[in-house]
Amino acid sequence: MKVMVLSSGGVDSTTALALAVDKYGKDNVIALSIFYGQKHDREIKAAENTAKYYNTEHIKMDLSSIFDYSDCSLLSHSDRSIPKESYAKQIEKTGGVPVSTYVPFRNGLFLSAAASIALSKNCSEIYYGAHADDSAGNAYPDCSPVFNDAMNRAIYEGSGRQLCIKAPFVNMNKADVVRIGIELGVPYDLTWSCYEGGEKPCGECGTCIDRRAAFEANGIKDPLEE
């Protein structure tokens, strides 16, 4: 069986890629990375490096024009600054509305695009790295179990019951993801999570804070901070 993995180059998607390779073998795994107009290309470069590490086929797509109408703070055309605080603090301010770094229905779009390509490439499953910390408090609603179940049903039926999606971490937190990745020997030094595109992670944005905490919970230091 062949599978496609949505690969952003971050901790979660790279761990999902490692899981897929471990289960099906590199020749049966395709990594798909999507540029959506973000302010830097560090994620895409990390995805390239992790695909090379696992020696999988790597497909890249540009869907940035779809988000031309969004003012999400991650996008290059937005003049909004990226919040330098935890997601929990951001949600306190939004009152349950998705945070400013939520790209409108991004995972829905990515999974739909992946489904079309996956069918054409004879894949039976799509893996993606959604986890419980991202969906907590409605920060990223397209990472929730409810969203995952709905998209899986839609893709399964819409593909003529040929294709389904797998979110192996959807009920886990990021520390659990890192624990699994450590067991699989994931090269986290090749990954990138920071919303900024500097030489080193900023250490202050929501995803940097979550990433550091996940490594600390496993008793190790993030290799990007060493």
N, C-alpha and C. Protein backbone atom coordinates (compact mmCIF):
# COMPACT_ATOMS: atom_id res chain seq x y z
N MET A 1 0.84 -1.20 0.00
CA MET A 1 0.00 0.00 0.00
C MET A 1 0.87 1.25 0.00
N LYS A 2 0.46 2.26 -0.75
CA LYS A 2 1.17 3.53 -0.80
C LYS A 2 0.41 4.57 0.02
N VAL A 3 1.18 5.46 0.68
CA VAL A 3 0.56 6.51 1.48
C VAL A 3 1.20 7.85 1.15
N MET A 4 0.43 8.91 1.36
CA MET A 4 0.92 10.27 1.20
C MET A 4 0.94 10.93 2.56
N VAL A 5 1.98 11.71 2.83
CA VAL A 5 2.11 12.40 4.11
C VAL A 5 2.19 13.90 3.86
N LEU A 6 1.29 14.66 4.49
CA LEU A 6 1.40 16.12 4.44
C LEU A 6 2.61 16.51 5.27
N SER A 7 3.62 17.08 4.64
CA SER A 7 4.88 17.35 5.31
C SER A 7 5.21 18.83 5.28
N SER A 8 5.15 19.47 6.45
CA SER A 8 5.46 20.90 6.55
C SER A 8 6.90 21.13 6.95
N GLY A 9 7.59 20.07 7.36
CA GLY A 9 8.95 20.23 7.84
C GLY A 9 9.04 20.44 9.34
N GLY A 10 7.90 20.43 10.04
CA GLY A 10 7.87 20.62 11.48
C GLY A 10 7.94 19.30 12.24
N VAL A 11 7.86 19.41 13.56
CA VAL A 11 7.96 18.24 14.44
C VAL A 11 6.87 17.21 14.14
N ASP A 12 5.63 17.67 14.07
CA ASP A 12 4.50 16.75 13.98
C ASP A 12 4.44 16.03 12.64
N SER A 13 4.56 16.78 11.56
CA SER A 13 4.47 16.15 10.24
C SER A 13 5.67 15.26 9.96
N THR A 14 6.84 15.64 10.47
CA THR A 14 8.02 14.80 10.27
C THR A 14 7.91 13.50 11.06
N THR A 15 7.30 13.58 12.24
CA THR A 15 7.06 12.35 12.99
C THR A 15 6.05 11.47 12.28
N ALA A 16 5.04 12.09 11.67
CA ALA A 16 4.07 11.33 10.88
C ALA A 16 4.76 10.68 9.68
N LEU A 17 5.68 11.40 9.06
CA LEU A 17 6.44 10.85 7.93
C LEU A 17 7.27 9.65 8.41
N ALA A 18 7.90 9.78 9.56
CA ALA A 18 8.69 8.67 10.11
C ALA A 18 7.82 7.45 10.39
N LEU A 19 6.63 7.69 10.93
CA LEU A 19 5.70 6.58 11.20
C LEU A 19 5.34 5.85 9.91
N ALA A 20 5.03 6.63 8.87
CA ALA A 20 4.62 6.04 7.60
C ALA A 20 5.77 5.23 6.98
N VAL A 21 6.97 5.78 7.02
CA VAL A 21 8.13 5.07 6.47
C VAL A 21 8.40 3.80 7.25
N ASP A 22 8.28 3.89 8.58
CA ASP A 22 8.51 2.72 9.43
C ASP A 22 7.50 1.62 9.13
N LYS A 23 6.26 2.02 8.84
CA LYS A 23 5.20 1.03 8.64
C LYS A 23 5.17 0.49 7.21
N TYR A 24 5.41 1.36 6.22
CA TYR A 24 5.20 0.94 4.83
C TYR A 24 6.48 0.89 3.98
N GLY A 25 7.57 1.47 4.48
CA GLY A 25 8.80 1.51 3.71
C GLY A 25 8.87 2.75 2.85
N LYS A 26 10.07 3.29 2.66
CA LYS A 26 10.24 4.56 1.97
C LYS A 26 9.72 4.57 0.54
N ASP A 27 9.76 3.43 -0.13
CA ASP A 27 9.32 3.37 -1.52
C ASP A 27 7.81 3.47 -1.67
N ASN A 28 7.11 3.32 -0.55
CA ASN A 28 5.65 3.39 -0.58
C ASN A 28 5.10 4.66 0.07
N VAL A 29 5.99 5.63 0.31
CA VAL A 29 5.60 6.87 0.97
C VAL A 29 5.94 8.07 0.08
N ILE A 30 4.98 8.98 -0.04
CA ILE A 30 5.17 10.22 -0.79
C ILE A 30 4.95 11.39 0.17
N ALA A 31 5.90 12.29 0.26
CA ALA A 31 5.74 13.50 1.07
C ALA A 31 5.18 14.61 0.19
N LEU A 32 4.19 15.32 0.70
CA LEU A 32 3.59 16.44 -0.02
C LEU A 32 3.74 17.70 0.82
N SER A 33 4.41 18.72 0.29
CA SER A 33 4.59 19.98 0.99
C SER A 33 3.90 21.10 0.21
N ILE A 34 3.21 21.97 0.94
CA ILE A 34 2.41 23.01 0.29
C ILE A 34 2.84 24.39 0.79
N PHE A 35 3.20 25.24 -0.15
CA PHE A 35 3.50 26.64 0.16
C PHE A 35 2.19 27.40 0.14
N TYR A 36 1.91 28.13 1.21
CA TYR A 36 0.62 28.83 1.29
C TYR A 36 0.78 30.34 1.43
N GLY A 37 1.97 30.85 1.14
CA GLY A 37 2.19 32.29 1.20
C GLY A 37 2.77 32.77 2.51
N GLN A 38 3.36 31.85 3.29
CA GLN A 38 3.93 32.23 4.57
C GLN A 38 5.11 33.18 4.40
N LYS A 39 5.49 33.81 5.50
CA LYS A 39 6.48 34.89 5.45
C LYS A 39 7.91 34.41 5.22
N HIS A 40 8.15 33.12 5.27
CA HIS A 40 9.49 32.60 5.04
C HIS A 40 9.40 31.21 4.43
N ASP A 41 10.54 30.71 3.94
CA ASP A 41 10.56 29.40 3.29
C ASP A 41 11.29 28.35 4.12
N ARG A 42 11.54 28.65 5.39
CA ARG A 42 12.27 27.71 6.23
C ARG A 42 11.54 26.38 6.36
N GLU A 43 10.19 26.44 6.41
CA GLU A 43 9.41 25.21 6.53
C GLU A 43 9.61 24.31 5.31
N ILE A 44 9.52 24.92 4.12
CA ILE A 44 9.66 24.13 2.89
C ILE A 44 11.06 23.54 2.79
N LYS A 45 12.07 24.30 3.16
CA LYS A 45 13.44 23.78 3.13
C LYS A 45 13.60 22.62 4.11
N ALA A 46 12.96 22.75 5.28
CA ALA A 46 13.03 21.65 6.25
C ALA A 46 12.33 20.41 5.71
N ALA A 47 11.21 20.61 5.04
CA ALA A 47 10.49 19.49 4.45
C ALA A 47 11.34 18.80 3.37
N GLU A 48 12.06 19.60 2.60
CA GLU A 48 12.97 19.03 1.59
C GLU A 48 14.04 18.18 2.26
N ASN A 49 14.59 18.69 3.35
CA ASN A 49 15.67 17.99 4.03
C ASN A 49 15.19 16.69 4.68
N THR A 50 13.99 16.71 5.25
CA THR A 50 13.49 15.49 5.89
C THR A 50 13.09 14.45 4.83
N ALA A 51 12.56 14.90 3.70
CA ALA A 51 12.24 13.96 2.63
C ALA A 51 13.52 13.30 2.08
N LYS A 52 14.59 14.10 1.98
CA LYS A 52 15.87 13.55 1.54
C LYS A 52 16.41 12.56 2.57
N TYR A 53 16.24 12.89 3.85
CA TYR A 53 16.72 12.00 4.91
C TYR A 53 16.05 10.63 4.82
N TYR A 54 14.73 10.65 4.59
CA TYR A 54 13.99 9.38 4.51
C TYR A 54 13.97 8.80 3.09
N ASN A 55 14.54 9.56 2.15
CA ASN A 55 14.65 9.10 0.76
C ASN A 55 13.28 8.76 0.17
N THR A 56 12.31 9.65 0.41
CA THR A 56 10.97 9.47 -0.14
C THR A 56 10.74 10.42 -1.32
N GLU A 57 9.80 10.08 -2.14
CA GLU A 57 9.37 11.01 -3.19
C GLU A 57 8.81 12.26 -2.50
N HIS A 58 9.11 13.43 -3.08
CA HIS A 58 8.66 14.68 -2.48
C HIS A 58 8.00 15.56 -3.53
N ILE A 59 6.73 15.87 -3.31
CA ILE A 59 5.98 16.74 -4.21
C ILE A 59 5.74 18.07 -3.52
N LYS A 60 5.93 19.18 -4.25
CA LYS A 60 5.70 20.51 -3.70
C LYS A 60 4.64 21.23 -4.52
N MET A 61 3.76 21.94 -3.82
CA MET A 61 2.69 22.68 -4.47
C MET A 61 2.65 24.10 -3.93
N ASP A 62 2.15 25.03 -4.76
CA ASP A 62 1.95 26.41 -4.33
C ASP A 62 0.46 26.72 -4.39
N LEU A 63 -0.15 26.88 -3.22
CA LEU A 63 -1.57 27.23 -3.13
C LEU A 63 -1.76 28.61 -2.50
N SER A 64 -0.72 29.43 -2.57
CA SER A 64 -0.74 30.71 -1.86
C SER A 64 -1.83 31.66 -2.32
N SER A 65 -2.21 31.62 -3.60
CA SER A 65 -3.20 32.58 -4.10
C SER A 65 -4.57 32.41 -3.44
N ILE A 66 -4.84 31.22 -2.93
CA ILE A 66 -6.12 30.99 -2.27
C ILE A 66 -6.26 31.84 -1.01
N PHE A 67 -5.13 32.19 -0.40
CA PHE A 67 -5.17 32.95 0.84
C PHE A 67 -4.93 34.44 0.64
N ASP A 68 -5.05 34.91 -0.60
CA ASP A 68 -4.84 36.33 -0.88
C ASP A 68 -5.79 37.23 -0.10
N TYR A 69 -6.94 36.70 0.28
CA TYR A 69 -7.96 37.52 0.94
C TYR A 69 -7.87 37.43 2.46
N SER A 70 -6.95 36.65 2.96
CA SER A 70 -6.81 36.46 4.41
C SER A 70 -5.79 37.44 4.98
N ASP A 71 -6.04 37.88 6.20
CA ASP A 71 -5.08 38.74 6.91
C ASP A 71 -4.39 37.97 8.03
N CYS A 72 -4.31 36.67 7.89
CA CYS A 72 -3.60 35.84 8.88
C CYS A 72 -2.18 36.37 9.06
N SER A 73 -1.73 36.45 10.31
CA SER A 73 -0.43 37.05 10.59
C SER A 73 0.76 36.25 10.06
N LEU A 74 0.53 35.00 9.65
CA LEU A 74 1.62 34.19 9.09
C LEU A 74 1.92 34.52 7.63
N LEU A 75 0.99 35.19 6.97
CA LEU A 75 1.10 35.38 5.52
C LEU A 75 1.95 36.58 5.16
N SER A 76 2.67 36.47 4.06
CA SER A 76 3.65 37.49 3.68
C SER A 76 3.01 38.85 3.37
N HIS A 77 1.75 38.85 2.93
CA HIS A 77 1.12 40.13 2.59
C HIS A 77 0.44 40.79 3.79
N SER A 78 0.44 40.11 4.93
CA SER A 78 -0.19 40.68 6.12
C SER A 78 0.80 41.56 6.88
N ASP A 79 0.30 42.69 7.41
CA ASP A 79 1.16 43.55 8.21
C ASP A 79 0.94 43.33 9.71
N ARG A 80 0.17 42.28 10.05
CA ARG A 80 -0.04 41.93 11.46
C ARG A 80 1.19 41.23 12.00
N SER A 81 1.54 41.53 13.21
CA SER A 81 2.71 40.89 13.82
C SER A 81 2.32 39.53 14.39
N ILE A 82 3.27 38.62 14.40
CA ILE A 82 3.05 37.28 14.96
C ILE A 82 3.13 37.38 16.48
N PRO A 83 2.10 36.93 17.19
CA PRO A 83 2.09 37.03 18.66
C PRO A 83 3.28 36.32 19.30
N LYS A 84 3.86 36.97 20.29
CA LYS A 84 4.98 36.40 21.04
C LYS A 84 4.50 35.94 22.41
N GLU A 85 3.60 34.97 22.41
CA GLU A 85 3.07 34.42 23.65
C GLU A 85 2.45 33.06 23.36
N SER A 86 2.14 32.33 24.41
CA SER A 86 1.58 30.99 24.27
C SER A 86 0.19 31.03 23.65
N TYR A 87 -0.22 29.90 23.11
CA TYR A 87 -1.57 29.81 22.54
C TYR A 87 -2.62 30.03 23.62
N ALA A 88 -2.36 29.53 24.83
CA ALA A 88 -3.32 29.68 25.93
C ALA A 88 -3.60 31.16 26.21
N LYS A 89 -2.54 31.96 26.24
CA LYS A 89 -2.72 33.40 26.48
C LYS A 89 -3.42 34.07 25.31
N GLN A 90 -3.13 33.61 24.11
CA GLN A 90 -3.81 34.18 22.94
C GLN A 90 -5.30 33.88 22.97
N ILE A 91 -5.65 32.66 23.35
CA ILE A 91 -7.07 32.27 23.38
C ILE A 91 -7.83 33.05 24.45
N GLU A 92 -7.15 33.38 25.55
CA GLU A 92 -7.78 34.20 26.58
C GLU A 92 -8.23 35.54 25.99
N LYS A 93 -7.46 36.05 25.06
CA LYS A 93 -7.76 37.34 24.44
C LYS A 93 -8.81 37.23 23.33
N THR A 94 -8.82 36.08 22.64
CA THR A 94 -9.75 35.93 21.52
C THR A 94 -11.12 35.46 21.96
N GLY A 95 -11.20 34.92 23.19
CA GLY A 95 -12.49 34.44 23.67
C GLY A 95 -12.99 33.20 22.94
N GLY A 96 -12.05 32.35 22.50
CA GLY A 96 -12.43 31.11 21.83
C GLY A 96 -12.41 31.18 20.32
N VAL A 97 -12.17 32.38 19.78
CA VAL A 97 -12.03 32.52 18.33
C VAL A 97 -10.62 32.04 17.95
N PRO A 98 -10.46 31.38 16.80
CA PRO A 98 -9.13 30.92 16.41
C PRO A 98 -8.08 32.03 16.49
N VAL A 99 -6.85 31.67 16.82
CA VAL A 99 -5.77 32.64 16.99
C VAL A 99 -5.39 33.26 15.64
N SER A 100 -4.62 34.36 15.70
CA SER A 100 -4.30 35.11 14.48
C SER A 100 -3.40 34.35 13.52
N THR A 101 -2.76 33.28 14.00
CA THR A 101 -1.92 32.47 13.13
C THR A 101 -2.69 31.29 12.50
N TYR A 102 -3.99 31.28 12.72
CA TYR A 102 -4.84 30.27 12.06
C TYR A 102 -5.04 30.68 10.60
N VAL A 103 -4.57 29.85 9.69
CA VAL A 103 -4.75 30.09 8.26
C VAL A 103 -6.10 29.49 7.87
N PRO A 104 -7.03 30.29 7.33
CA PRO A 104 -8.42 29.85 7.13
C PRO A 104 -8.57 28.50 6.43
N PHE A 105 -9.06 27.52 7.19
CA PHE A 105 -9.37 26.19 6.68
C PHE A 105 -8.18 25.54 5.97
N ARG A 106 -6.98 25.86 6.44
CA ARG A 106 -5.78 25.37 5.77
C ARG A 106 -5.74 23.85 5.66
N ASN A 107 -5.97 23.15 6.77
CA ASN A 107 -5.89 21.70 6.71
C ASN A 107 -6.97 21.10 5.82
N GLY A 108 -8.14 21.74 5.79
CA GLY A 108 -9.20 21.27 4.89
C GLY A 108 -8.76 21.37 3.44
N LEU A 109 -8.15 22.50 3.10
CA LEU A 109 -7.65 22.70 1.74
C LEU A 109 -6.52 21.72 1.43
N PHE A 110 -5.58 21.61 2.35
CA PHE A 110 -4.42 20.74 2.11
C PHE A 110 -4.85 19.28 1.94
N LEU A 111 -5.76 18.83 2.79
CA LEU A 111 -6.22 17.44 2.69
C LEU A 111 -6.98 17.20 1.39
N SER A 112 -7.75 18.18 0.95
CA SER A 112 -8.50 18.04 -0.30
C SER A 112 -7.55 17.96 -1.49
N ALA A 113 -6.55 18.85 -1.50
CA ALA A 113 -5.55 18.82 -2.57
C ALA A 113 -4.78 17.50 -2.52
N ALA A 114 -4.41 17.09 -1.32
CA ALA A 114 -3.67 15.83 -1.17
C ALA A 114 -4.50 14.65 -1.66
N ALA A 115 -5.81 14.69 -1.40
CA ALA A 115 -6.67 13.58 -1.83
C ALA A 115 -6.65 13.42 -3.35
N SER A 116 -6.70 14.51 -4.06
CA SER A 116 -6.68 14.45 -5.52
C SER A 116 -5.37 13.86 -6.04
N ILE A 117 -4.26 14.33 -5.46
CA ILE A 117 -2.96 13.82 -5.89
C ILE A 117 -2.77 12.37 -5.44
N ALA A 118 -3.18 12.07 -4.21
CA ALA A 118 -3.02 10.72 -3.68
C ALA A 118 -3.73 9.69 -4.53
N LEU A 119 -4.95 10.01 -4.98
CA LEU A 119 -5.68 9.10 -5.85
C LEU A 119 -4.94 8.89 -7.16
N SER A 120 -4.38 9.98 -7.69
CA SER A 120 -3.65 9.88 -8.95
C SER A 120 -2.35 9.10 -8.81
N LYS A 121 -1.81 9.07 -7.59
CA LYS A 121 -0.56 8.35 -7.32
C LYS A 121 -0.81 6.97 -6.70
N ASN A 122 -2.07 6.54 -6.73
CA ASN A 122 -2.44 5.20 -6.22
C ASN A 122 -2.17 5.01 -4.74
N CYS A 123 -2.35 6.07 -3.97
CA CYS A 123 -2.22 5.98 -2.51
C CYS A 123 -3.57 5.59 -1.90
N SER A 124 -3.52 4.91 -0.78
CA SER A 124 -4.74 4.51 -0.08
C SER A 124 -4.98 5.30 1.20
N GLU A 125 -3.94 5.98 1.70
CA GLU A 125 -4.06 6.75 2.94
C GLU A 125 -3.31 8.06 2.83
N ILE A 126 -3.79 9.05 3.58
CA ILE A 126 -3.09 10.33 3.74
C ILE A 126 -2.81 10.51 5.22
N TYR A 127 -1.56 10.72 5.58
CA TYR A 127 -1.19 11.00 6.97
C TYR A 127 -1.01 12.51 7.16
N TYR A 128 -1.46 13.01 8.31
CA TYR A 128 -1.10 14.38 8.68
C TYR A 128 -0.96 14.48 10.19
N GLY A 129 -0.24 15.51 10.64
CA GLY A 129 0.23 15.53 12.03
C GLY A 129 -0.57 16.33 13.03
N ALA A 130 -1.88 16.48 12.83
CA ALA A 130 -2.71 17.21 13.79
C ALA A 130 -2.61 16.57 15.17
N HIS A 131 -2.55 17.42 16.22
CA HIS A 131 -2.52 16.88 17.58
C HIS A 131 -3.37 17.74 18.50
N ALA A 132 -3.61 17.22 19.71
CA ALA A 132 -4.59 17.81 20.62
C ALA A 132 -4.20 19.20 21.11
N ASP A 133 -2.91 19.49 21.27
CA ASP A 133 -2.51 20.81 21.75
C ASP A 133 -2.92 21.91 20.78
N ASP A 134 -2.86 21.63 19.47
CA ASP A 134 -3.22 22.64 18.49
C ASP A 134 -4.72 22.91 18.45
N SER A 135 -5.52 21.89 18.71
CA SER A 135 -6.97 22.07 18.66
C SER A 135 -7.54 22.59 19.98
N ALA A 136 -6.74 22.55 21.05
CA ALA A 136 -7.22 22.96 22.38
C ALA A 136 -7.70 24.41 22.37
N GLY A 137 -8.87 24.64 22.96
CA GLY A 137 -9.40 25.98 23.05
C GLY A 137 -9.83 26.57 21.73
N ASN A 138 -9.93 25.73 20.70
CA ASN A 138 -10.34 26.19 19.37
C ASN A 138 -9.27 27.06 18.69
N ALA A 139 -8.02 26.94 19.13
CA ALA A 139 -6.94 27.71 18.52
C ALA A 139 -6.83 27.40 17.03
N TYR A 140 -6.78 26.10 16.73
CA TYR A 140 -6.75 25.63 15.34
C TYR A 140 -7.84 24.57 15.18
N PRO A 141 -9.05 24.98 14.86
CA PRO A 141 -10.17 24.03 14.79
C PRO A 141 -10.01 22.96 13.73
N ASP A 142 -9.15 23.19 12.74
CA ASP A 142 -8.94 22.17 11.70
C ASP A 142 -7.86 21.16 12.11
N CYS A 143 -7.63 21.06 13.43
CA CYS A 143 -6.77 20.01 13.98
C CYS A 143 -7.54 19.12 14.95
N SER A 144 -8.82 19.34 15.08
CA SER A 144 -9.62 18.64 16.09
C SER A 144 -10.07 17.26 15.63
N PRO A 145 -10.41 16.38 16.57
CA PRO A 145 -10.95 15.07 16.21
C PRO A 145 -12.24 15.17 15.40
N VAL A 146 -13.10 16.13 15.74
CA VAL A 146 -14.36 16.30 15.00
C VAL A 146 -14.08 16.65 13.54
N PHE A 147 -13.16 17.59 13.34
CA PHE A 147 -12.77 17.96 11.97
C PHE A 147 -12.18 16.77 11.24
N ASN A 148 -11.28 16.06 11.90
CA ASN A 148 -10.63 14.91 11.28
C ASN A 148 -11.64 13.86 10.85
N ASP A 149 -12.60 13.56 11.72
CA ASP A 149 -13.61 12.55 11.39
C ASP A 149 -14.46 12.99 10.19
N ALA A 150 -14.83 14.28 10.18
CA ALA A 150 -15.66 14.79 9.08
C ALA A 150 -14.90 14.76 7.75
N MET A 151 -13.64 15.17 7.76
CA MET A 151 -12.84 15.16 6.54
C MET A 151 -12.58 13.73 6.07
N ASN A 152 -12.37 12.85 7.01
CA ASN A 152 -12.14 11.46 6.63
C ASN A 152 -13.37 10.87 5.94
N ARG A 153 -14.53 11.16 6.48
CA ARG A 153 -15.77 10.66 5.85
C ARG A 153 -15.94 11.25 4.46
N ALA A 154 -15.69 12.55 4.34
CA ALA A 154 -15.85 13.21 3.04
C ALA A 154 -14.89 12.65 2.00
N ILE A 155 -13.63 12.49 2.39
CA ILE A 155 -12.62 11.99 1.45
C ILE A 155 -12.86 10.52 1.12
N TYR A 156 -13.24 9.75 2.10
CA TYR A 156 -13.52 8.32 1.86
C TYR A 156 -14.68 8.16 0.88
N GLU A 157 -15.76 8.87 1.10
CA GLU A 157 -16.91 8.76 0.21
C GLU A 157 -16.63 9.42 -1.14
N GLY A 158 -15.98 10.59 -1.09
CA GLY A 158 -15.72 11.32 -2.34
C GLY A 158 -14.70 10.67 -3.24
N SER A 159 -13.93 9.75 -2.68
CA SER A 159 -12.93 9.03 -3.48
C SER A 159 -13.45 7.67 -3.95
N GLY A 160 -14.73 7.46 -3.76
CA GLY A 160 -15.27 6.15 -4.10
C GLY A 160 -14.81 5.08 -3.13
N ARG A 161 -14.60 5.51 -1.89
CA ARG A 161 -14.14 4.62 -0.81
C ARG A 161 -12.79 3.97 -1.11
N GLN A 162 -11.94 4.74 -1.79
CA GLN A 162 -10.59 4.25 -2.11
C GLN A 162 -9.53 4.84 -1.19
N LEU A 163 -9.87 5.96 -0.50
CA LEU A 163 -8.85 6.74 0.20
C LEU A 163 -9.37 7.19 1.56
N CYS A 164 -8.51 7.14 2.57
CA CYS A 164 -8.89 7.66 3.88
C CYS A 164 -7.73 8.46 4.46
N ILE A 165 -8.01 9.24 5.50
CA ILE A 165 -6.95 10.01 6.13
C ILE A 165 -6.66 9.44 7.51
N LYS A 166 -5.41 9.59 7.93
CA LYS A 166 -4.96 9.12 9.22
C LYS A 166 -4.31 10.28 9.97
N ALA A 167 -4.80 10.55 11.16
CA ALA A 167 -4.20 11.56 12.04
C ALA A 167 -3.78 10.84 13.32
N PRO A 168 -2.63 10.19 13.31
CA PRO A 168 -2.25 9.30 14.42
C PRO A 168 -2.07 10.01 15.76
N PHE A 169 -1.92 11.35 15.73
CA PHE A 169 -1.67 12.08 16.97
C PHE A 169 -2.86 12.93 17.42
N VAL A 170 -4.00 12.77 16.76
CA VAL A 170 -5.10 13.71 16.97
C VAL A 170 -5.59 13.73 18.42
N ASN A 171 -5.40 12.65 19.16
CA ASN A 171 -5.81 12.60 20.57
C ASN A 171 -4.62 12.65 21.52
N MET A 172 -3.46 13.02 21.00
CA MET A 172 -2.24 13.12 21.80
C MET A 172 -1.80 14.57 21.91
N ASN A 173 -0.93 14.87 22.89
CA ASN A 173 -0.33 16.19 22.94
C ASN A 173 1.04 16.16 22.26
N LYS A 174 1.66 17.32 22.15
CA LYS A 174 2.91 17.40 21.41
C LYS A 174 4.04 16.64 22.09
N ALA A 175 4.00 16.57 23.42
CA ALA A 175 5.02 15.79 24.13
C ALA A 175 4.93 14.31 23.74
N ASP A 176 3.71 13.81 23.54
CA ASP A 176 3.54 12.42 23.09
C ASP A 176 4.12 12.22 21.70
N VAL A 177 3.91 13.23 20.84
CA VAL A 177 4.45 13.15 19.48
C VAL A 177 5.96 13.06 19.51
N VAL A 178 6.59 13.91 20.31
CA VAL A 178 8.05 13.90 20.41
C VAL A 178 8.54 12.57 21.00
N ARG A 179 7.82 12.05 21.97
CA ARG A 179 8.20 10.74 22.56
C ARG A 179 8.23 9.66 21.48
N ILE A 180 7.19 9.62 20.64
CA ILE A 180 7.14 8.65 19.55
C ILE A 180 8.29 8.89 18.58
N GLY A 181 8.53 10.16 18.29
CA GLY A 181 9.60 10.50 17.36
C GLY A 181 10.97 10.09 17.86
N ILE A 182 11.20 10.25 19.14
CA ILE A 182 12.47 9.84 19.73
C ILE A 182 12.65 8.34 19.56
N GLU A 183 11.58 7.58 19.79
CA GLU A 183 11.64 6.13 19.64
C GLU A 183 11.95 5.73 18.19
N LEU A 184 11.48 6.56 17.24
CA LEU A 184 11.70 6.28 15.82
C LEU A 184 12.99 6.88 15.30
N GLY A 185 13.67 7.65 16.13
CA GLY A 185 14.92 8.27 15.69
C GLY A 185 14.72 9.41 14.71
N VAL A 186 13.65 10.17 14.87
CA VAL A 186 13.37 11.28 13.96
C VAL A 186 14.48 12.34 14.04
N PRO A 187 14.97 12.82 12.90
CA PRO A 187 16.04 13.83 12.90
C PRO A 187 15.47 15.23 13.17
N TYR A 188 15.14 15.51 14.41
CA TYR A 188 14.50 16.78 14.74
C TYR A 188 15.41 17.99 14.48
N ASP A 189 16.70 17.74 14.35
CA ASP A 189 17.62 18.83 14.01
C ASP A 189 17.38 19.35 12.60
N LEU A 190 16.69 18.58 11.77
CA LEU A 190 16.40 19.00 10.39
C LEU A 190 15.06 19.72 10.28
N THR A 191 14.28 19.72 11.35
CA THR A 191 12.92 20.28 11.29
C THR A 191 12.92 21.77 11.62
N TRP A 192 11.80 22.42 11.32
CA TRP A 192 11.64 23.84 11.64
C TRP A 192 10.19 24.08 12.04
N SER A 193 9.99 24.76 13.17
CA SER A 193 8.63 25.04 13.65
C SER A 193 8.33 26.52 13.78
N CYS A 194 9.33 27.33 14.02
CA CYS A 194 9.16 28.75 14.32
C CYS A 194 8.41 29.49 13.22
N TYR A 195 7.52 30.39 13.64
CA TYR A 195 6.76 31.19 12.67
C TYR A 195 7.60 32.29 12.03
N GLU A 196 8.74 32.57 12.63
CA GLU A 196 9.68 33.54 12.06
C GLU A 196 10.69 32.79 11.19
N GLY A 197 11.36 33.50 10.35
CA GLY A 197 12.28 32.84 9.42
C GLY A 197 13.73 33.17 9.64
N GLY A 198 14.12 33.41 10.88
CA GLY A 198 15.50 33.76 11.17
C GLY A 198 16.46 32.58 11.09
N GLU A 199 17.70 32.86 11.45
CA GLU A 199 18.71 31.80 11.45
C GLU A 199 18.42 30.78 12.54
N LYS A 200 17.90 31.27 13.66
CA LYS A 200 17.53 30.40 14.77
C LYS A 200 16.08 30.67 15.16
N PRO A 201 15.40 29.71 15.78
CA PRO A 201 14.02 29.92 16.22
C PRO A 201 13.94 31.12 17.18
N CYS A 202 12.84 31.86 17.10
CA CYS A 202 12.69 33.05 17.95
C CYS A 202 12.52 32.68 19.41
N GLY A 203 11.94 31.49 19.68
CA GLY A 203 11.75 31.03 21.04
C GLY A 203 10.58 31.67 21.76
N GLU A 204 9.85 32.57 21.09
CA GLU A 204 8.80 33.34 21.75
C GLU A 204 7.41 33.17 21.15
N CYS A 205 7.31 32.70 19.92
CA CYS A 205 6.00 32.52 19.31
C CYS A 205 5.33 31.27 19.87
N GLY A 206 4.04 31.12 19.63
CA GLY A 206 3.29 30.01 20.21
C GLY A 206 3.86 28.66 19.88
N THR A 207 4.27 28.47 18.65
CA THR A 207 4.77 27.16 18.25
C THR A 207 6.16 26.88 18.82
N CYS A 208 6.98 27.92 19.00
CA CYS A 208 8.28 27.73 19.65
C CYS A 208 8.10 27.33 21.11
N ILE A 209 7.15 27.98 21.78
CA ILE A 209 6.89 27.68 23.19
C ILE A 209 6.41 26.24 23.35
N ASP A 210 5.49 25.82 22.48
CA ASP A 210 4.98 24.45 22.54
C ASP A 210 6.07 23.43 22.23
N ARG A 211 6.90 23.74 21.26
CA ARG A 211 7.96 22.82 20.86
C ARG A 211 8.96 22.62 22.01
N ARG A 212 9.39 23.72 22.60
CA ARG A 212 10.34 23.61 23.71
C ARG A 212 9.76 22.78 24.85
N ALA A 213 8.50 23.03 25.19
CA ALA A 213 7.84 22.31 26.29
C ALA A 213 7.74 20.81 25.99
N ALA A 214 7.51 20.47 24.73
CA ALA A 214 7.38 19.05 24.35
C ALA A 214 8.70 18.31 24.53
N PHE A 215 9.80 18.95 24.15
CA PHE A 215 11.10 18.32 24.34
C PHE A 215 11.45 18.23 25.83
N GLU A 216 11.17 19.31 26.56
CA GLU A 216 11.46 19.31 28.00
C GLU A 216 10.67 18.22 28.73
N ALA A 217 9.43 17.99 28.29
CA ALA A 217 8.60 16.96 28.92
C ALA A 217 9.19 15.58 28.72
N ASN A 218 10.03 15.44 27.69
CA ASN A 218 10.70 14.16 27.43
C ASN A 218 12.12 14.13 27.98
N GLY A 219 12.47 15.15 28.75
CA GLY A 219 13.76 15.16 29.41
C GLY A 219 14.95 15.45 28.52
N ILE A 220 14.69 16.05 27.37
CA ILE A 220 15.79 16.39 26.45
C ILE A 220 15.63 17.83 25.96
N LYS A 221 16.70 18.36 25.41
CA LYS A 221 16.67 19.70 24.88
C LYS A 221 16.42 19.67 23.37
N ASP A 222 15.65 20.63 22.91
CA ASP A 222 15.39 20.75 21.47
C ASP A 222 16.75 20.89 20.76
N PRO A 223 17.04 20.04 19.77
CA PRO A 223 18.33 20.13 19.09
C PRO A 223 18.57 21.46 18.39
N LEU A 224 17.53 22.20 18.09
CA LEU A 224 17.70 23.51 17.45
C LEU A 224 18.12 24.58 18.45
N GLU A 225 18.05 24.26 19.74
CA GLU A 225 18.46 25.22 20.76
C GLU A 225 19.80 24.89 21.36
N GLU A 226 20.43 23.84 20.88
CA GLU A 226 21.73 23.45 21.43
C GLU A 226 22.86 24.28 20.82
